[in-house]
N, C-alpha and C. Protein backbone atom coordinates (compact mmCIF):
# COMPACT_ATOMS: atom_id res chain seq x y z
N MET A 1 0.84 -1.16 0.00
CA MET A 1 0.00 0.00 0.00
C MET A 1 0.89 1.24 0.00
N LYS A 2 0.84 2.02 -1.09
CA LYS A 2 1.62 3.25 -1.20
C LYS A 2 0.78 4.44 -0.76
N PHE A 3 1.45 5.43 -0.16
CA PHE A 3 0.78 6.65 0.27
C PHE A 3 1.79 7.78 0.37
N THR A 4 1.26 9.01 0.38
CA THR A 4 2.11 10.19 0.57
C THR A 4 1.82 10.75 1.95
N GLN A 5 2.88 11.11 2.67
CA GLN A 5 2.76 11.57 4.04
C GLN A 5 3.59 12.84 4.23
N LYS A 6 3.02 13.85 4.89
CA LYS A 6 3.81 15.02 5.29
C LYS A 6 4.62 14.61 6.51
N ILE A 7 5.92 14.85 6.48
CA ILE A 7 6.77 14.47 7.60
C ILE A 7 7.63 15.66 8.03
N HIS A 8 8.13 15.57 9.24
CA HIS A 8 9.03 16.57 9.81
C HIS A 8 10.40 15.90 9.93
N VAL A 9 11.31 16.21 9.00
CA VAL A 9 12.64 15.59 8.97
C VAL A 9 13.54 16.34 9.96
N VAL A 10 14.07 15.60 10.93
CA VAL A 10 14.93 16.23 11.94
C VAL A 10 16.41 15.93 11.71
N GLY A 11 16.71 14.98 10.82
CA GLY A 11 18.10 14.67 10.54
C GLY A 11 18.25 13.66 9.42
N MET A 12 19.46 13.58 8.85
CA MET A 12 19.79 12.61 7.81
C MET A 12 21.25 12.22 7.98
N LYS A 13 21.57 10.99 7.54
CA LYS A 13 22.95 10.53 7.66
C LYS A 13 23.26 9.57 6.52
N SER A 14 24.37 9.80 5.82
CA SER A 14 24.79 8.88 4.76
C SER A 14 25.83 7.93 5.34
N SER A 15 25.85 6.73 4.78
CA SER A 15 26.76 5.71 5.27
C SER A 15 27.13 4.78 4.13
N LYS A 16 28.44 4.57 3.95
CA LYS A 16 28.91 3.70 2.89
C LYS A 16 30.22 3.06 3.33
N GLY A 17 30.35 1.79 3.07
CA GLY A 17 31.59 1.11 3.44
C GLY A 17 31.46 -0.39 3.31
N THR A 18 32.40 -1.08 3.97
CA THR A 18 32.43 -2.53 3.95
C THR A 18 32.62 -3.04 5.36
N LEU A 19 31.80 -4.01 5.75
CA LEU A 19 31.92 -4.63 7.07
C LEU A 19 33.14 -5.54 7.11
N GLU A 20 33.53 -5.94 8.31
CA GLU A 20 34.68 -6.84 8.47
C GLU A 20 34.50 -8.14 7.72
N ASN A 21 33.26 -8.59 7.56
CA ASN A 21 33.01 -9.85 6.86
C ASN A 21 32.98 -9.68 5.34
N GLY A 22 33.26 -8.46 4.85
CA GLY A 22 33.32 -8.19 3.42
C GLY A 22 32.01 -7.73 2.81
N MET A 23 30.95 -7.70 3.59
CA MET A 23 29.65 -7.28 3.08
C MET A 23 29.60 -5.74 2.96
N ALA A 24 29.19 -5.26 1.78
CA ALA A 24 29.13 -3.81 1.53
C ALA A 24 27.80 -3.24 2.02
N TYR A 25 27.83 -1.96 2.43
CA TYR A 25 26.61 -1.24 2.78
C TYR A 25 26.69 0.15 2.18
N ASP A 26 25.52 0.70 1.82
CA ASP A 26 25.45 1.99 1.16
C ASP A 26 24.02 2.51 1.30
N SER A 27 23.80 3.49 2.17
CA SER A 27 22.44 3.98 2.39
C SER A 27 22.43 5.39 2.96
N THR A 28 21.27 6.01 2.88
CA THR A 28 21.00 7.27 3.57
C THR A 28 19.86 7.00 4.55
N LYS A 29 20.04 7.40 5.78
CA LYS A 29 19.00 7.26 6.81
C LYS A 29 18.33 8.61 7.00
N VAL A 30 17.01 8.59 7.08
CA VAL A 30 16.20 9.78 7.32
C VAL A 30 15.58 9.62 8.70
N TYR A 31 15.73 10.63 9.54
CA TYR A 31 15.15 10.61 10.88
C TYR A 31 13.99 11.61 10.90
N ALA A 32 12.77 11.08 11.10
CA ALA A 32 11.57 11.91 11.04
C ALA A 32 10.73 11.68 12.28
N LEU A 33 9.97 12.72 12.66
CA LEU A 33 9.11 12.61 13.83
C LEU A 33 7.88 11.78 13.49
N VAL A 34 7.53 10.87 14.41
CA VAL A 34 6.39 9.98 14.25
C VAL A 34 5.60 10.00 15.55
N ASP A 35 4.26 10.01 15.45
CA ASP A 35 3.42 10.00 16.65
C ASP A 35 3.62 8.72 17.46
N LEU A 36 3.71 8.87 18.78
CA LEU A 36 3.74 7.71 19.66
C LEU A 36 2.34 7.11 19.74
N ASP A 37 2.26 5.83 20.02
CA ASP A 37 0.97 5.14 20.15
C ASP A 37 0.33 5.52 21.48
N ALA A 38 -0.68 6.38 21.41
CA ALA A 38 -1.34 6.88 22.62
C ALA A 38 -2.60 6.08 22.96
N SER A 39 -2.86 4.98 22.25
CA SER A 39 -4.10 4.23 22.40
C SER A 39 -4.29 3.61 23.79
N LYS A 40 -3.21 3.32 24.50
CA LYS A 40 -3.32 2.72 25.84
C LYS A 40 -3.24 3.76 26.95
N GLY A 41 -3.02 5.02 26.58
CA GLY A 41 -2.93 6.08 27.57
C GLY A 41 -1.60 6.12 28.30
N THR A 42 -0.59 5.41 27.79
CA THR A 42 0.72 5.37 28.46
C THR A 42 1.81 6.11 27.69
N ALA A 43 1.43 6.72 26.57
CA ALA A 43 2.40 7.46 25.77
C ALA A 43 1.71 8.67 25.16
N LYS A 44 2.51 9.70 24.91
CA LYS A 44 1.97 10.93 24.36
C LYS A 44 3.09 11.66 23.64
N GLY A 45 2.78 12.27 22.51
CA GLY A 45 3.78 13.06 21.81
C GLY A 45 4.38 12.34 20.62
N MET A 46 5.66 12.63 20.36
CA MET A 46 6.33 12.12 19.17
C MET A 46 7.72 11.59 19.52
N ALA A 47 8.23 10.77 18.62
CA ALA A 47 9.59 10.25 18.72
C ALA A 47 10.19 10.26 17.32
N SER A 48 11.50 10.22 17.24
CA SER A 48 12.17 10.15 15.96
C SER A 48 12.24 8.70 15.50
N SER A 49 11.91 8.47 14.24
CA SER A 49 11.96 7.13 13.68
C SER A 49 12.91 7.15 12.48
N GLU A 50 13.59 6.03 12.23
CA GLU A 50 14.58 5.95 11.17
C GLU A 50 13.99 5.26 9.94
N PHE A 51 14.22 5.87 8.76
CA PHE A 51 13.81 5.29 7.49
C PHE A 51 15.02 5.27 6.57
N THR A 52 15.13 4.25 5.72
CA THR A 52 16.21 4.18 4.74
C THR A 52 15.70 4.78 3.44
N LEU A 53 16.53 5.65 2.84
CA LEU A 53 16.16 6.30 1.58
C LEU A 53 17.32 6.18 0.60
N GLY A 54 17.31 5.18 -0.23
CA GLY A 54 18.31 5.03 -1.28
C GLY A 54 19.73 4.83 -0.78
N THR A 55 20.68 5.20 -1.63
CA THR A 55 22.09 5.03 -1.32
C THR A 55 22.65 6.28 -0.64
N SER A 56 23.93 6.24 -0.29
CA SER A 56 24.57 7.38 0.36
C SER A 56 24.58 8.62 -0.54
N GLU A 57 24.48 8.44 -1.85
CA GLU A 57 24.43 9.56 -2.78
C GLU A 57 23.19 10.42 -2.57
N GLU A 58 22.11 9.83 -2.09
CA GLU A 58 20.86 10.56 -1.85
C GLU A 58 21.07 11.73 -0.89
N PHE A 59 21.97 11.56 0.07
CA PHE A 59 22.23 12.59 1.07
C PHE A 59 22.67 13.92 0.44
N SER A 60 23.40 13.85 -0.67
CA SER A 60 23.91 15.08 -1.30
C SER A 60 22.79 16.03 -1.74
N LYS A 61 21.59 15.51 -1.99
CA LYS A 61 20.45 16.35 -2.38
C LYS A 61 19.96 17.23 -1.23
N TYR A 62 20.27 16.85 0.00
CA TYR A 62 19.70 17.51 1.17
C TYR A 62 20.73 18.20 2.07
N LYS A 63 22.01 17.94 1.85
CA LYS A 63 23.04 18.38 2.80
C LYS A 63 23.12 19.89 2.97
N ASN A 64 22.65 20.68 1.98
CA ASN A 64 22.72 22.14 2.10
C ASN A 64 21.45 22.75 2.66
N LEU A 65 20.47 21.95 3.00
CA LEU A 65 19.23 22.45 3.59
C LEU A 65 19.43 22.71 5.08
N SER A 66 18.63 23.60 5.62
CA SER A 66 18.61 23.80 7.07
C SER A 66 17.70 22.74 7.68
N PHE A 67 18.14 22.13 8.74
CA PHE A 67 17.34 21.12 9.43
C PHE A 67 16.81 21.71 10.71
N PRO A 68 15.65 21.30 11.17
CA PRO A 68 14.69 20.38 10.56
C PRO A 68 13.91 21.06 9.43
N PHE A 69 13.24 20.23 8.60
CA PHE A 69 12.39 20.76 7.54
C PHE A 69 11.19 19.84 7.32
N GLU A 70 10.15 20.43 6.72
CA GLU A 70 8.94 19.67 6.38
C GLU A 70 9.13 19.08 4.99
N ALA A 71 8.57 17.88 4.77
CA ALA A 71 8.70 17.24 3.46
C ALA A 71 7.47 16.39 3.17
N ASP A 72 7.30 16.12 1.88
CA ASP A 72 6.29 15.18 1.43
C ASP A 72 7.03 13.89 1.10
N ALA A 73 6.69 12.81 1.78
CA ALA A 73 7.38 11.54 1.59
C ALA A 73 6.44 10.54 0.94
N GLU A 74 6.94 9.85 -0.08
CA GLU A 74 6.19 8.75 -0.68
C GLU A 74 6.64 7.50 0.06
N MET A 75 5.68 6.82 0.67
CA MET A 75 5.99 5.67 1.51
C MET A 75 5.13 4.48 1.10
N GLU A 76 5.52 3.32 1.57
CA GLU A 76 4.78 2.10 1.27
C GLU A 76 4.86 1.16 2.47
N ILE A 77 3.73 0.56 2.80
CA ILE A 77 3.71 -0.47 3.84
C ILE A 77 3.84 -1.81 3.14
N VAL A 78 4.86 -2.59 3.53
CA VAL A 78 5.10 -3.90 2.94
C VAL A 78 5.14 -4.95 4.05
N THR A 79 4.92 -6.20 3.68
CA THR A 79 4.93 -7.28 4.67
C THR A 79 5.56 -8.53 4.07
N ASN A 80 6.06 -9.39 4.96
CA ASN A 80 6.54 -10.69 4.54
C ASN A 80 5.51 -11.76 4.91
N GLY A 81 4.33 -11.33 5.34
CA GLY A 81 3.26 -12.23 5.74
C GLY A 81 3.17 -12.37 7.25
N LYS A 82 4.24 -11.97 7.93
CA LYS A 82 4.26 -12.08 9.39
C LYS A 82 4.43 -10.72 10.05
N THR A 83 5.36 -9.94 9.53
CA THR A 83 5.60 -8.60 10.08
C THR A 83 5.49 -7.58 8.94
N GLN A 84 5.26 -6.34 9.32
CA GLN A 84 5.20 -5.29 8.30
C GLN A 84 6.17 -4.18 8.63
N LYS A 85 6.56 -3.43 7.59
CA LYS A 85 7.43 -2.27 7.80
C LYS A 85 7.05 -1.20 6.80
N THR A 86 7.47 0.03 7.09
CA THR A 86 7.21 1.17 6.22
C THR A 86 8.50 1.51 5.47
N VAL A 87 8.41 1.55 4.15
CA VAL A 87 9.55 1.86 3.29
C VAL A 87 9.36 3.26 2.71
N MET A 88 10.42 4.07 2.74
CA MET A 88 10.37 5.42 2.17
C MET A 88 10.96 5.36 0.76
N HIS A 89 10.19 5.83 -0.24
CA HIS A 89 10.65 5.83 -1.64
C HIS A 89 11.18 7.18 -2.07
N SER A 90 10.61 8.28 -1.53
CA SER A 90 11.09 9.61 -1.89
C SER A 90 10.78 10.58 -0.76
N CYS A 91 11.54 11.66 -0.73
CA CYS A 91 11.38 12.69 0.29
C CYS A 91 11.62 14.04 -0.39
N VAL A 92 10.54 14.82 -0.54
CA VAL A 92 10.63 16.10 -1.25
C VAL A 92 10.36 17.22 -0.25
N PRO A 93 11.36 18.07 0.01
CA PRO A 93 11.13 19.19 0.93
C PRO A 93 9.93 20.02 0.49
N ALA A 94 9.04 20.33 1.42
CA ALA A 94 7.83 21.09 1.11
C ALA A 94 8.17 22.52 0.75
N THR A 95 9.11 23.09 1.47
CA THR A 95 9.58 24.44 1.16
C THR A 95 11.09 24.42 1.21
N ARG A 96 11.69 24.90 0.17
CA ARG A 96 13.14 24.94 0.15
C ARG A 96 13.64 25.96 1.14
N VAL A 97 14.61 25.56 1.94
CA VAL A 97 15.20 26.44 2.93
C VAL A 97 16.59 26.80 2.44
N PRO A 98 16.98 28.08 2.44
CA PRO A 98 18.30 28.45 1.96
C PRO A 98 19.41 27.77 2.76
N ALA A 99 20.51 27.47 2.08
CA ALA A 99 21.65 26.83 2.73
C ALA A 99 22.24 27.76 3.79
N LYS A 100 22.79 27.18 4.83
CA LYS A 100 23.44 27.97 5.87
C LYS A 100 24.74 28.56 5.31
N GLN A 101 25.00 29.80 5.68
CA GLN A 101 26.26 30.44 5.26
C GLN A 101 27.37 30.02 6.19
N VAL A 102 28.46 29.55 5.63
CA VAL A 102 29.58 29.08 6.44
C VAL A 102 30.71 30.05 6.38
């Protein structure tokens, strides 16, 4: 099931390399605020959740933006028949924020 969601991106991190066992990794992690499950009355508010978005190259599209920022994310809920997870396919900043002057 695919859907578009407005999200509040609080951080991003690119990562690329090789593990000691020789296995390669290459990804960008997106950290976005997600509502806590308040249905039992034991939680309230939001927490940061991690989503994978493409390879480490994806980070270069966002590195000059000011964080945090609002974005429209294309997401999909997938399952293996037992558990489900949310996959992020794209993340488009809702309003472009000028790069910080260094």
